[in-house]
Every structure is written in C-alpha cells, then in structure tokens.
Amino acid sequence: MDLLWALLTLPYAPVRGLTAVVGVIAREAESRQRNPVNVRRELEELDAAVAAGELSAEERDRAEQRVLDRLTGGAGRAERQRPPRRGPAREGGVRHDRRRPGPAA
C-alpha cells in the first residue's frame, strides 16, 4: 500500500518539497529577526545614522520602536496608545449591577 501511495502522490512531491523549504526559510528569518545580537546591531546603526545626520531624532525613535516591537512581538506602542478601558458604571462609589433583582426571599 505504501508503494501505491507513493506512486499516486508522486506528482505532489515538488509541492511538498517547496513547502518544506519555505518553512525552513521562515524559521530562519524569524530567528534572525529576534536574535538580540542583530537587534543591538540595528539599534547601533540607527544611533550612528543620527550622529551622521542621516536621520532625525523623531525618525530614529520610530525606527527604534519598530525594532523593539519586532523583538517583543509587536505589543509596544499599540498597547500604550490604546485608550484606558472603562470599568462598570459607578455613581457615588456604588456599583450598578445590570442584573435584574431576583425574587425577594
């Protein structure tokens, strides 16, 4: 049965091989992006560009935030700019419950 299955799926071998290669490339790219040595080098390059006058301080801050977001998973500035969540409505320190009152016991 294995031989028959191998013969029937032979035309799909290039697709499976390509999928495997793309997976390896994606894992390698992600490991390089999150490698602290590479992140530090990118931050040093940004500082050097500012010192050479190629970038303004604001542009450097934005680029630095992108690098750090990539390192931490992208939760940086988006989390800080989100408006605060509002809790339950309070009036005079009393919590208003939206449930209906049950039968009196």
PDB file of N, CA and C in Angstrom:
ATOM      1  N   MET A   1       0.824  -1.194   0.000  1.00  0.00           N
ATOM      2  CA  MET A   1       0.000   0.000   0.000  1.00  0.00           C
ATOM      3  C   MET A   1       0.873   1.265   0.000  1.00  0.00           C
ATOM      4  N   ASP A   2       1.988   1.210   0.736  1.00  0.00           N
ATOM      5  CA  ASP A   2       2.872   2.380   0.773  1.00  0.00           C
ATOM      6  C   ASP A   2       3.452   2.693  -0.602  1.00  0.00           C
ATOM      7  N   LEU A   3       3.777   1.641  -1.348  1.00  0.00           N
ATOM      8  CA  LEU A   3       4.322   1.845  -2.683  1.00  0.00           C
ATOM      9  C   LEU A   3       3.271   2.478  -3.604  1.00  0.00           C
ATOM     10  N   LEU A   4       2.046   1.987  -3.501  1.00  0.00           N
ATOM     11  CA  LEU A   4       0.964   2.544  -4.308  1.00  0.00           C
ATOM     12  C   LEU A   4       0.707   4.003  -3.937  1.00  0.00           C
ATOM     13  N   TRP A   5       0.715   4.298  -2.637  1.00  0.00           N
ATOM     14  CA  TRP A   5       0.505   5.679  -2.173  1.00  0.00           C
ATOM     15  C   TRP A   5       1.623   6.595  -2.673  1.00  0.00           C
ATOM     16  N   ALA A   6       2.855   6.099  -2.612  1.00  0.00           N
ATOM     17  CA  ALA A   6       3.992   6.886  -3.084  1.00  0.00           C
ATOM     18  C   ALA A   6       3.859   7.180  -4.575  1.00  0.00           C
ATOM     19  N   LEU A   7       3.422   6.200  -5.352  1.00  0.00           N
ATOM     20  CA  LEU A   7       3.267   6.415  -6.792  1.00  0.00           C
ATOM     21  C   LEU A   7       2.132   7.391  -7.095  1.00  0.00           C
ATOM     22  N   LEU A   8       1.036   7.298  -6.331  1.00  0.00           N
ATOM     23  CA  LEU A   8      -0.100   8.190  -6.574  1.00  0.00           C
ATOM     24  C   LEU A   8       0.191   9.632  -6.181  1.00  0.00           C
ATOM     25  N   THR A   9       0.985   9.827  -5.159  1.00  0.00           N
ATOM     26  CA  THR A   9       1.280  11.191  -4.687  1.00  0.00           C
ATOM     27  C   THR A   9       2.580  11.740  -5.254  1.00  0.00           C
ATOM     28  N   LEU A  10       3.219  11.014  -6.142  1.00  0.00           N
ATOM     29  CA  LEU A  10       4.481  11.471  -6.732  1.00  0.00           C
ATOM     30  C   LEU A  10       4.366  12.835  -7.415  1.00  0.00           C
ATOM     31  N   PRO A  11       3.296  13.126  -8.129  1.00  0.00           N
ATOM     32  CA  PRO A  11       3.206  14.465  -8.757  1.00  0.00           C
ATOM     33  C   PRO A  11       3.207  15.617  -7.742  1.00  0.00           C
ATOM     34  N   TYR A  12       2.861  15.347  -6.486  1.00  0.00           N
ATOM     35  CA  TYR A  12       2.826  16.400  -5.470  1.00  0.00           C
ATOM     36  C   TYR A  12       4.148  16.560  -4.724  1.00  0.00           C
ATOM     37  N   ALA A  13       5.146  15.773  -5.068  1.00  0.00           N
ATOM     38  CA  ALA A  13       6.436  15.837  -4.388  1.00  0.00           C
ATOM     39  C   ALA A  13       7.077  17.231  -4.487  1.00  0.00           C
ATOM     40  N   PRO A  14       7.067  17.888  -5.642  1.00  0.00           N
ATOM     41  CA  PRO A  14       7.663  19.232  -5.696  1.00  0.00           C
ATOM     42  C   PRO A  14       6.953  20.226  -4.773  1.00  0.00           C
ATOM     43  N   VAL A  15       5.652  20.095  -4.650  1.00  0.00           N
ATOM     44  CA  VAL A  15       4.905  20.999  -3.771  1.00  0.00           C
ATOM     45  C   VAL A  15       5.300  20.758  -2.317  1.00  0.00           C
ATOM     46  N   ARG A  16       5.398  19.482  -1.921  1.00  0.00           N
ATOM     47  CA  ARG A  16       5.805  19.171  -0.552  1.00  0.00           C
ATOM     48  C   ARG A  16       7.229  19.663  -0.285  1.00  0.00           C
ATOM     49  N   GLY A  17       8.105  19.498  -1.266  1.00  0.00           N
ATOM     50  CA  GLY A  17       9.486  19.964  -1.104  1.00  0.00           C
ATOM     51  C   GLY A  17       9.555  21.476  -0.976  1.00  0.00           C
ATOM     52  N   LEU A  18       8.789  22.168  -1.803  1.00  0.00           N
ATOM     53  CA  LEU A  18       8.762  23.629  -1.747  1.00  0.00           C
ATOM     54  C   LEU A  18       8.202  24.111  -0.408  1.00  0.00           C
ATOM     55  N   THR A  19       7.165  23.445   0.068  1.00  0.00           N
ATOM     56  CA  THR A  19       6.580  23.799   1.365  1.00  0.00           C
ATOM     57  C   THR A  19       7.606  23.626   2.485  1.00  0.00           C
ATOM     58  N   ALA A  20       8.369  22.555   2.431  1.00  0.00           N
ATOM     59  CA  ALA A  20       9.391  22.324   3.453  1.00  0.00           C
ATOM     60  C   ALA A  20      10.469  23.406   3.400  1.00  0.00           C
ATOM     61  N   VAL A  21      10.893  23.777   2.186  1.00  0.00           N
ATOM     62  CA  VAL A  21      11.926  24.809   2.039  1.00  0.00           C
ATOM     63  C   VAL A  21      11.417  26.154   2.549  1.00  0.00           C
ATOM     64  N   VAL A  22      10.177  26.506   2.223  1.00  0.00           N
ATOM     65  CA  VAL A  22       9.607  27.772   2.691  1.00  0.00           C
ATOM     66  C   VAL A  22       9.524  27.780   4.216  1.00  0.00           C
ATOM     67  N   GLY A  23       9.170  26.649   4.815  1.00  0.00           N
ATOM     68  CA  GLY A  23       9.114  26.559   6.274  1.00  0.00           C
ATOM     69  C   GLY A  23      10.478  26.789   6.911  1.00  0.00           C
ATOM     70  N   VAL A  24      11.512  26.201   6.336  1.00  0.00           N
ATOM     71  CA  VAL A  24      12.875  26.384   6.861  1.00  0.00           C
ATOM     72  C   VAL A  24      13.296  27.841   6.737  1.00  0.00           C
ATOM     73  N   ILE A  25      13.014  28.460   5.592  1.00  0.00           N
ATOM     74  CA  ILE A  25      13.385  29.866   5.386  1.00  0.00           C
ATOM     75  C   ILE A  25      12.649  30.771   6.367  1.00  0.00           C
ATOM     76  N   ALA A  26      11.366  30.499   6.586  1.00  0.00           N
ATOM     77  CA  ALA A  26      10.585  31.321   7.511  1.00  0.00           C
ATOM     78  C   ALA A  26      11.115  31.205   8.936  1.00  0.00           C
ATOM     79  N   ARG A  27      11.452  29.990   9.370  1.00  0.00           N
ATOM     80  CA  ARG A  27      12.011  29.819  10.728  1.00  0.00           C
ATOM     81  C   ARG A  27      13.348  30.540  10.871  1.00  0.00           C
ATOM     82  N   GLU A  28      14.185  30.447   9.856  1.00  0.00           N
ATOM     83  CA  GLU A  28      15.492  31.115   9.916  1.00  0.00           C
ATOM     84  C   GLU A  28      15.336  32.634   9.943  1.00  0.00           C
ATOM     85  N   ALA A  29      14.423  33.158   9.131  1.00  0.00           N
ATOM     86  CA  ALA A  29      14.204  34.609   9.115  1.00  0.00           C
ATOM     87  C   ALA A  29      13.695  35.086  10.474  1.00  0.00           C
ATOM     88  N   GLU A  30      12.786  34.341  11.063  1.00  0.00           N
ATOM     89  CA  GLU A  30      12.261  34.736  12.375  1.00  0.00           C
ATOM     90  C   GLU A  30      13.347  34.681  13.445  1.00  0.00           C
ATOM     91  N   SER A  31      14.189  33.668  13.404  1.00  0.00           N
ATOM     92  CA  SER A  31      15.244  33.583  14.412  1.00  0.00           C
ATOM     93  C   SER A  31      16.247  34.733  14.249  1.00  0.00           C
ATOM     94  N   ARG A  32      16.504  35.140  13.015  1.00  0.00           N
ATOM     95  CA  ARG A  32      17.418  36.271  12.812  1.00  0.00           C
ATOM     96  C   ARG A  32      16.792  37.586  13.256  1.00  0.00           C
ATOM     97  N   GLN A  33      15.491  37.744  13.031  1.00  0.00           N
ATOM     98  CA  GLN A  33      14.831  38.979  13.453  1.00  0.00           C
ATOM     99  C   GLN A  33      14.819  39.113  14.964  1.00  0.00           C
ATOM    100  N   ARG A  34      14.669  38.014  15.669  1.00  0.00           N
ATOM    101  CA  ARG A  34      14.557  38.058  17.123  1.00  0.00           C
ATOM    102  C   ARG A  34      15.889  37.855  17.836  1.00  0.00           C
ATOM    103  N   ASN A  35      16.962  37.688  17.087  1.00  0.00           N
ATOM    104  CA  ASN A  35      18.277  37.491  17.682  1.00  0.00           C
ATOM    105  C   ASN A  35      18.730  38.802  18.337  1.00  0.00           C
ATOM    106  N   PRO A  36      19.007  38.774  19.644  1.00  0.00           N
ATOM    107  CA  PRO A  36      19.399  40.013  20.335  1.00  0.00           C
ATOM    108  C   PRO A  36      20.652  40.671  19.753  1.00  0.00           C
ATOM    109  N   VAL A  37      21.566  39.880  19.208  1.00  0.00           N
ATOM    110  CA  VAL A  37      22.781  40.452  18.611  1.00  0.00           C
ATOM    111  C   VAL A  37      22.409  41.303  17.396  1.00  0.00           C
ATOM    112  N   ASN A  38      21.525  40.789  16.557  1.00  0.00           N
ATOM    113  CA  ASN A  38      21.102  41.554  15.372  1.00  0.00           C
ATOM    114  C   ASN A  38      20.314  42.798  15.764  1.00  0.00           C
ATOM    115  N   VAL A  39      19.468  42.676  16.783  1.00  0.00           N
ATOM    116  CA  VAL A  39      18.685  43.830  17.236  1.00  0.00           C
ATOM    117  C   VAL A  39      19.619  44.917  17.764  1.00  0.00           C
ATOM    118  N   ARG A  40      20.595  44.514  18.543  1.00  0.00           N
ATOM    119  CA  ARG A  40      21.556  45.503  19.076  1.00  0.00           C
ATOM    120  C   ARG A  40      22.315  46.188  17.944  1.00  0.00           C
ATOM    121  N   ARG A  41      22.713  45.405  16.930  1.00  0.00           N
ATOM    122  CA  ARG A  41      23.434  45.993  15.798  1.00  0.00           C
ATOM    123  C   ARG A  41      22.557  47.008  15.056  1.00  0.00           C
ATOM    124  N   GLU A  42      21.277  46.671  14.875  1.00  0.00           N
ATOM    125  CA  GLU A  42      20.369  47.607  14.206  1.00  0.00           C
ATOM    126  C   GLU A  42      20.203  48.889  15.009  1.00  0.00           C
ATOM    127  N   LEU A  43      20.096  48.767  16.325  1.00  0.00           N
ATOM    128  CA  LEU A  43      19.969  49.963  17.161  1.00  0.00           C
ATOM    129  C   LEU A  43      21.231  50.817  17.108  1.00  0.00           C
ATOM    130  N   GLU A  44      22.398  50.167  17.079  1.00  0.00           N
ATOM    131  CA  GLU A  44      23.652  50.917  16.958  1.00  0.00           C
ATOM    132  C   GLU A  44      23.742  51.614  15.602  1.00  0.00           C
ATOM    133  N   GLU A  45      23.243  50.954  14.540  1.00  0.00           N
ATOM    134  CA  GLU A  45      23.239  51.584  13.221  1.00  0.00           C
ATOM    135  C   GLU A  45      22.325  52.808  13.201  1.00  0.00           C
ATOM    136  N   LEU A  46      21.204  52.725  13.902  1.00  0.00           N
ATOM    137  CA  LEU A  46      20.304  53.882  13.999  1.00  0.00           C
ATOM    138  C   LEU A  46      20.992  55.039  14.711  1.00  0.00           C
ATOM    139  N   ASP A  47      21.685  54.740  15.805  1.00  0.00           N
ATOM    140  CA  ASP A  47      22.402  55.795  16.529  1.00  0.00           C
ATOM    141  C   ASP A  47      23.496  56.413  15.669  1.00  0.00           C
ATOM    142  N   ALA A  48      24.180  55.573  14.896  1.00  0.00           N
ATOM    143  CA  ALA A  48      25.230  56.094  14.006  1.00  0.00           C
ATOM    144  C   ALA A  48      24.627  56.978  12.916  1.00  0.00           C
ATOM    145  N   ALA A  49      23.458  56.602  12.405  1.00  0.00           N
ATOM    146  CA  ALA A  49      22.801  57.412  11.370  1.00  0.00           C
ATOM    147  C   ALA A  49      22.378  58.766  11.928  1.00  0.00           C
ATOM    148  N   VAL A  50      21.941  58.792  13.188  1.00  0.00           N
ATOM    149  CA  VAL A  50      21.571  60.069  13.819  1.00  0.00           C
ATOM    150  C   VAL A  50      22.814  60.923  14.003  1.00  0.00           C
ATOM    151  N   ALA A  51      23.907  60.304  14.447  1.00  0.00           N
ATOM    152  CA  ALA A  51      25.159  61.045  14.654  1.00  0.00           C
ATOM    153  C   ALA A  51      25.688  61.608  13.337  1.00  0.00           C
ATOM    154  N   ALA A  52      25.462  60.885  12.233  1.00  0.00           N
ATOM    155  CA  ALA A  52      25.932  61.354  10.926  1.00  0.00           C
ATOM    156  C   ALA A  52      24.965  62.347  10.300  1.00  0.00           C
ATOM    157  N   GLY A  53      23.810  62.549  10.922  1.00  0.00           N
ATOM    158  CA  GLY A  53      22.842  63.496  10.404  1.00  0.00           C
ATOM    159  C   GLY A  53      21.926  62.925   9.334  1.00  0.00           C
ATOM    160  N   GLU A  54      21.928  61.608   9.164  1.00  0.00           N
ATOM    161  CA  GLU A  54      21.084  60.984   8.149  1.00  0.00           C
ATOM    162  C   GLU A  54      19.636  60.830   8.618  1.00  0.00           C
ATOM    163  N   LEU A  55      19.428  60.761   9.921  1.00  0.00           N
ATOM    164  CA  LEU A  55      18.093  60.606  10.498  1.00  0.00           C
ATOM    165  C   LEU A  55      17.864  61.673  11.553  1.00  0.00           C
ATOM    166  N   SER A  56      16.611  62.071  11.687  1.00  0.00           N
ATOM    167  CA  SER A  56      16.285  62.978  12.791  1.00  0.00           C
ATOM    168  C   SER A  56      16.019  62.130  14.032  1.00  0.00           C
ATOM    169  N   ALA A  57      15.944  62.777  15.163  1.00  0.00           N
ATOM    170  CA  ALA A  57      15.691  62.054  16.404  1.00  0.00           C
ATOM    171  C   ALA A  57      14.314  61.401  16.383  1.00  0.00           C
ATOM    172  N   GLU A  58      13.343  62.069  15.765  1.00  0.00           N
ATOM    173  CA  GLU A  58      11.986  61.507  15.689  1.00  0.00           C
ATOM    174  C   GLU A  58      11.951  60.268  14.804  1.00  0.00           C
ATOM    175  N   GLU A  59      12.653  60.335  13.662  1.00  0.00           N
ATOM    176  CA  GLU A  59      12.719  59.166  12.785  1.00  0.00           C
ATOM    177  C   GLU A  59      13.429  58.010  13.477  1.00  0.00           C
ATOM    178  N   ARG A  60      14.470  58.331  14.222  1.00  0.00           N
ATOM    179  CA  ARG A  60      15.177  57.285  14.961  1.00  0.00           C
ATOM    180  C   ARG A  60      14.266  56.649  15.998  1.00  0.00           C
ATOM    181  N   ASP A  61      13.474  57.460  16.697  1.00  0.00           N
ATOM    182  CA  ASP A  61      12.567  56.915  17.707  1.00  0.00           C
ATOM    183  C   ASP A  61      11.551  55.968  17.084  1.00  0.00           C
ATOM    184  N   ARG A  62      11.011  56.348  15.925  1.00  0.00           N
ATOM    185  CA  ARG A  62      10.049  55.469  15.256  1.00  0.00           C
ATOM    186  C   ARG A  62      10.708  54.164  14.807  1.00  0.00           C
ATOM    187  N   ALA A  63      11.896  54.267  14.213  1.00  0.00           N
ATOM    188  CA  ALA A  63      12.605  53.065  13.758  1.00  0.00           C
ATOM    189  C   ALA A  63      13.010  52.191  14.943  1.00  0.00           C
ATOM    190  N   GLU A  64      13.440  52.825  16.019  1.00  0.00           N
ATOM    191  CA  GLU A  64      13.813  52.076  17.227  1.00  0.00           C
ATOM    192  C   GLU A  64      12.605  51.344  17.794  1.00  0.00           C
ATOM    193  N   GLN A  65      11.455  51.983  17.789  1.00  0.00           N
ATOM    194  CA  GLN A  65      10.243  51.343  18.295  1.00  0.00           C
ATOM    195  C   GLN A  65       9.860  50.152  17.430  1.00  0.00           C
ATOM    196  N   ARG A  66      10.027  50.269  16.104  1.00  0.00           N
ATOM    197  CA  ARG A  66       9.731  49.139  15.211  1.00  0.00           C
ATOM    198  C   ARG A  66      10.644  47.957  15.510  1.00  0.00           C
ATOM    199  N   VAL A  67      11.932  48.234  15.736  1.00  0.00           N
ATOM    200  CA  VAL A  67      12.883  47.166  16.049  1.00  0.00           C
ATOM    201  C   VAL A  67      12.515  46.502  17.373  1.00  0.00           C
ATOM    202  N   LEU A  68      12.207  47.308  18.366  1.00  0.00           N
ATOM    203  CA  LEU A  68      11.870  46.748  19.671  1.00  0.00           C
ATOM    204  C   LEU A  68      10.531  46.014  19.636  1.00  0.00           C
ATOM    205  N   ASP A  69       9.577  46.516  18.855  1.00  0.00           N
ATOM    206  CA  ASP A  69       8.302  45.810  18.708  1.00  0.00           C
ATOM    207  C   ASP A  69       8.510  44.440  18.076  1.00  0.00           C
ATOM    208  N   ARG A  70       9.394  44.402  17.093  1.00  0.00           N
ATOM    209  CA  ARG A  70       9.693  43.125  16.444  1.00  0.00           C
ATOM    210  C   ARG A  70      10.313  42.150  17.434  1.00  0.00           C
ATOM    211  N   LEU A  71      11.163  42.656  18.308  1.00  0.00           N
ATOM    212  CA  LEU A  71      11.815  41.807  19.306  1.00  0.00           C
ATOM    213  C   LEU A  71      10.823  41.306  20.342  1.00  0.00           C
ATOM    214  N   THR A  72       9.887  42.161  20.744  1.00  0.00           N
ATOM    215  CA  THR A  72       8.957  41.789  21.809  1.00  0.00           C
ATOM    216  C   THR A  72       7.653  41.227  21.281  1.00  0.00           C
ATOM    217  N   GLY A  73       7.483  41.142  19.999  1.00  0.00           N
ATOM    218  CA  GLY A  73       6.264  40.580  19.450  1.00  0.00           C
ATOM    219  C   GLY A  73       5.247  41.608  19.022  1.00  0.00           C
ATOM    220  N   GLY A  74       5.610  42.878  18.962  1.00  0.00           N
ATOM    221  CA  GLY A  74       4.714  43.894  18.433  1.00  0.00           C
ATOM    222  C   GLY A  74       3.743  44.489  19.414  1.00  0.00           C
ATOM    223  N   ALA A  75       3.938  44.307  20.706  1.00  0.00           N
ATOM    224  CA  ALA A  75       2.968  44.812  21.684  1.00  0.00           C
ATOM    225  C   ALA A  75       3.389  46.160  22.258  1.00  0.00           C
ATOM    226  N   GLY A  76       4.352  46.809  21.673  1.00  0.00           N
ATOM    227  CA  GLY A  76       4.894  48.029  22.262  1.00  0.00           C
ATOM    228  C   GLY A  76       3.978  49.224  22.244  1.00  0.00           C
ATOM    229  N   ARG A  77       4.076  50.039  21.224  1.00  0.00           N
ATOM    230  CA  ARG A  77       3.388  51.315  21.166  1.00  0.00           C
ATOM    231  C   ARG A  77       1.872  51.150  21.055  1.00  0.00           C
ATOM    232  N   ALA A  78       1.410  50.105  20.387  1.00  0.00           N
ATOM    233  CA  ALA A  78      -0.040  49.909  20.227  1.00  0.00           C
ATOM    234  C   ALA A  78      -0.708  49.736  21.590  1.00  0.00           C
ATOM    235  N   GLU A  79      -0.046  49.082  22.517  1.00  0.00           N
ATOM    236  CA  GLU A  79      -0.621  48.897  23.848  1.00  0.00           C
ATOM    237  C   GLU A  79      -0.665  50.221  24.602  1.00  0.00           C
ATOM    238  N   ARG A  80       0.357  51.039  24.441  1.00  0.00           N
ATOM    239  CA  ARG A  80       0.414  52.296  25.187  1.00  0.00           C
ATOM    240  C   ARG A  80      -0.554  53.334  24.655  1.00  0.00           C
ATOM    241  N   GLN A  81      -0.888  53.285  23.370  1.00  0.00           N
ATOM    242  CA  GLN A  81      -1.756  54.295  22.790  1.00  0.00           C
ATOM    243  C   GLN A  81      -3.228  53.950  22.903  1.00  0.00           C
ATOM    244  N   ARG A  82      -3.531  52.730  23.291  1.00  0.00           N
ATOM    245  CA  ARG A  82      -4.924  52.324  23.414  1.00  0.00           C
ATOM    246  C   ARG A  82      -5.570  53.065  24.579  1.00  0.00           C
ATOM    247  N   PRO A  83      -6.773  53.590  24.402  1.00  0.00           N
ATOM    248  CA  PRO A  83      -7.414  54.321  25.498  1.00  0.00           C
ATOM    249  C   PRO A  83      -7.702  53.377  26.658  1.00  0.00           C
ATOM    250  N   PRO A  84      -7.723  53.915  27.872  1.00  0.00           N
ATOM    251  CA  PRO A  84      -7.966  53.049  29.027  1.00  0.00           C
ATOM    252  C   PRO A  84      -9.369  52.472  28.973  1.00  0.00           C
ATOM    253  N   ARG A  85      -9.490  51.245  29.451  1.00  0.00           N
ATOM    254  CA  ARG A  85     -10.795  50.599  29.481  1.00  0.00           C
ATOM    255  C   ARG A  85     -11.592  51.158  30.640  1.00  0.00           C
ATOM    256  N   ARG A  86     -12.851  51.297  30.407  1.00  0.00           N
ATOM    257  CA  ARG A  86     -13.721  51.799  31.461  1.00  0.00           C
ATOM    258  C   ARG A  86     -14.296  50.629  32.226  1.00  0.00           C
ATOM    259  N   GLY A  87     -14.347  50.785  33.515  1.00  0.00           N
ATOM    260  CA  GLY A  87     -14.913  49.746  34.356  1.00  0.00           C
ATOM    261  C   GLY A  87     -16.421  49.879  34.405  1.00  0.00           C
ATOM    262  N   PRO A  88     -17.058  49.174  35.296  1.00  0.00           N
ATOM    263  CA  PRO A  88     -18.508  49.287  35.421  1.00  0.00           C
ATOM    264  C   PRO A  88     -18.899  50.696  35.854  1.00  0.00           C
ATOM    265  N   ALA A  89     -20.070  51.107  35.443  1.00  0.00           N
ATOM    266  CA  ALA A  89     -20.534  52.455  35.782  1.00  0.00           C
ATOM    267  C   ALA A  89     -20.647  52.578  37.297  1.00  0.00           C
ATOM    268  N   ARG A  90     -20.113  53.650  37.805  1.00  0.00           N
ATOM    269  CA  ARG A  90     -20.166  53.882  39.250  1.00  0.00           C
ATOM    270  C   ARG A  90     -20.747  55.261  39.500  1.00  0.00           C
ATOM    271  N   GLU A  91     -21.549  55.324  40.477  1.00  0.00           N
ATOM    272  CA  GLU A  91     -22.136  56.599  40.848  1.00  0.00           C
ATOM    273  C   GLU A  91     -22.108  56.683  42.358  1.00  0.00           C
ATOM    274  N   GLY A  92     -21.376  57.622  42.843  1.00  0.00           N
ATOM    275  CA  GLY A  92     -21.286  57.772  44.296  1.00  0.00           C
ATOM    276  C   GLY A  92     -20.599  56.591  44.974  1.00  0.00           C
ATOM    277  N   GLY A  93     -19.709  55.902  44.248  1.00  0.00           N
ATOM    278  CA  GLY A  93     -18.985  54.789  44.840  1.00  0.00           C
ATOM    279  C   GLY A  93     -19.795  53.500  44.885  1.00  0.00           C
ATOM    280  N   VAL A  94     -20.988  53.499  44.324  1.00  0.00           N
ATOM    281  CA  VAL A  94     -21.834  52.313  44.346  1.00  0.00           C
ATOM    282  C   VAL A  94     -21.803  51.677  42.964  1.00  0.00           C
ATOM    283  N   ARG A  95     -21.598  50.388  42.936  1.00  0.00           N
ATOM    284  CA  ARG A  95     -21.579  49.685  41.658  1.00  0.00           C
ATOM    285  C   ARG A  95     -23.004  49.379  41.244  1.00  0.00           C
ATOM    286  N   HIS A  96     -23.316  49.738  40.016  1.00  0.00           N
ATOM    287  CA  HIS A  96     -24.647  49.454  39.494  1.00  0.00           C
ATOM    288  C   HIS A  96     -24.595  48.126  38.767  1.00  0.00           C
ATOM    289  N   ASP A  97     -25.361  47.194  39.238  1.00  0.00           N
ATOM    290  CA  ASP A  97     -25.389  45.882  38.634  1.00  0.00           C
ATOM    291  C   ASP A  97     -26.493  45.839  37.601  1.00  0.00           C
ATOM    292  N   ARG A  98     -26.210  45.295  36.457  1.00  0.00           N
ATOM    293  CA  ARG A  98     -27.190  45.280  35.372  1.00  0.00           C
ATOM    294  C   ARG A  98     -28.139  44.094  35.464  1.00  0.00           C
ATOM    295  N   ARG A  99     -27.895  43.200  36.384  1.00  0.00           N
ATOM    296  CA  ARG A  99     -28.803  42.067  36.524  1.00  0.00           C
ATOM    297  C   ARG A  99     -30.115  42.518  37.129  1.00  0.00           C
ATOM    298  N   ARG A 100     -31.133  41.806  36.798  1.00  0.00           N
ATOM    299  CA  ARG A 100     -32.437  42.108  37.375  1.00  0.00           C
ATOM    300  C   ARG A 100     -32.475  41.589  38.806  1.00  0.00           C
ATOM    301  N   PRO A 101     -33.141  42.301  39.630  1.00  0.00           N
ATOM    302  CA  PRO A 101     -33.252  41.789  41.009  1.00  0.00           C
ATOM    303  C   PRO A 101     -34.098  40.529  41.025  1.00  0.00           C
ATOM    304  N   GLY A 102     -33.672  39.575  41.848  1.00  0.00           N
ATOM    305  CA  GLY A 102     -34.383  38.311  41.952  1.00  0.00           C
ATOM    306  C   GLY A 102     -35.580  38.457  42.876  1.00  0.00           C
ATOM    307  N   PRO A 103     -36.337  37.400  43.033  1.00  0.00           N
ATOM    308  CA  PRO A 103     -37.490  37.456  43.921  1.00  0.00           C
ATOM    309  C   PRO A 103     -37.018  37.645  45.353  1.00  0.00           C
ATOM    310  N   ALA A 104     -37.795  38.394  46.083  1.00  0.00           N
ATOM    311  CA  ALA A 104     -37.443  38.657  47.482  1.00  0.00           C
ATOM    312  C   ALA A 104     -37.623  37.381  48.286  1.00  0.00           C
ATOM    313  N   ALA A 105     -36.679  37.138  49.154  1.00  0.00           N
ATOM    314  CA  ALA A 105     -36.769  35.911  49.954  1.00  0.00           C
ATOM    315  C   ALA A 105     -37.358  36.178  51.316  1.00  0.00           C
TER     316      ALA A 105
END
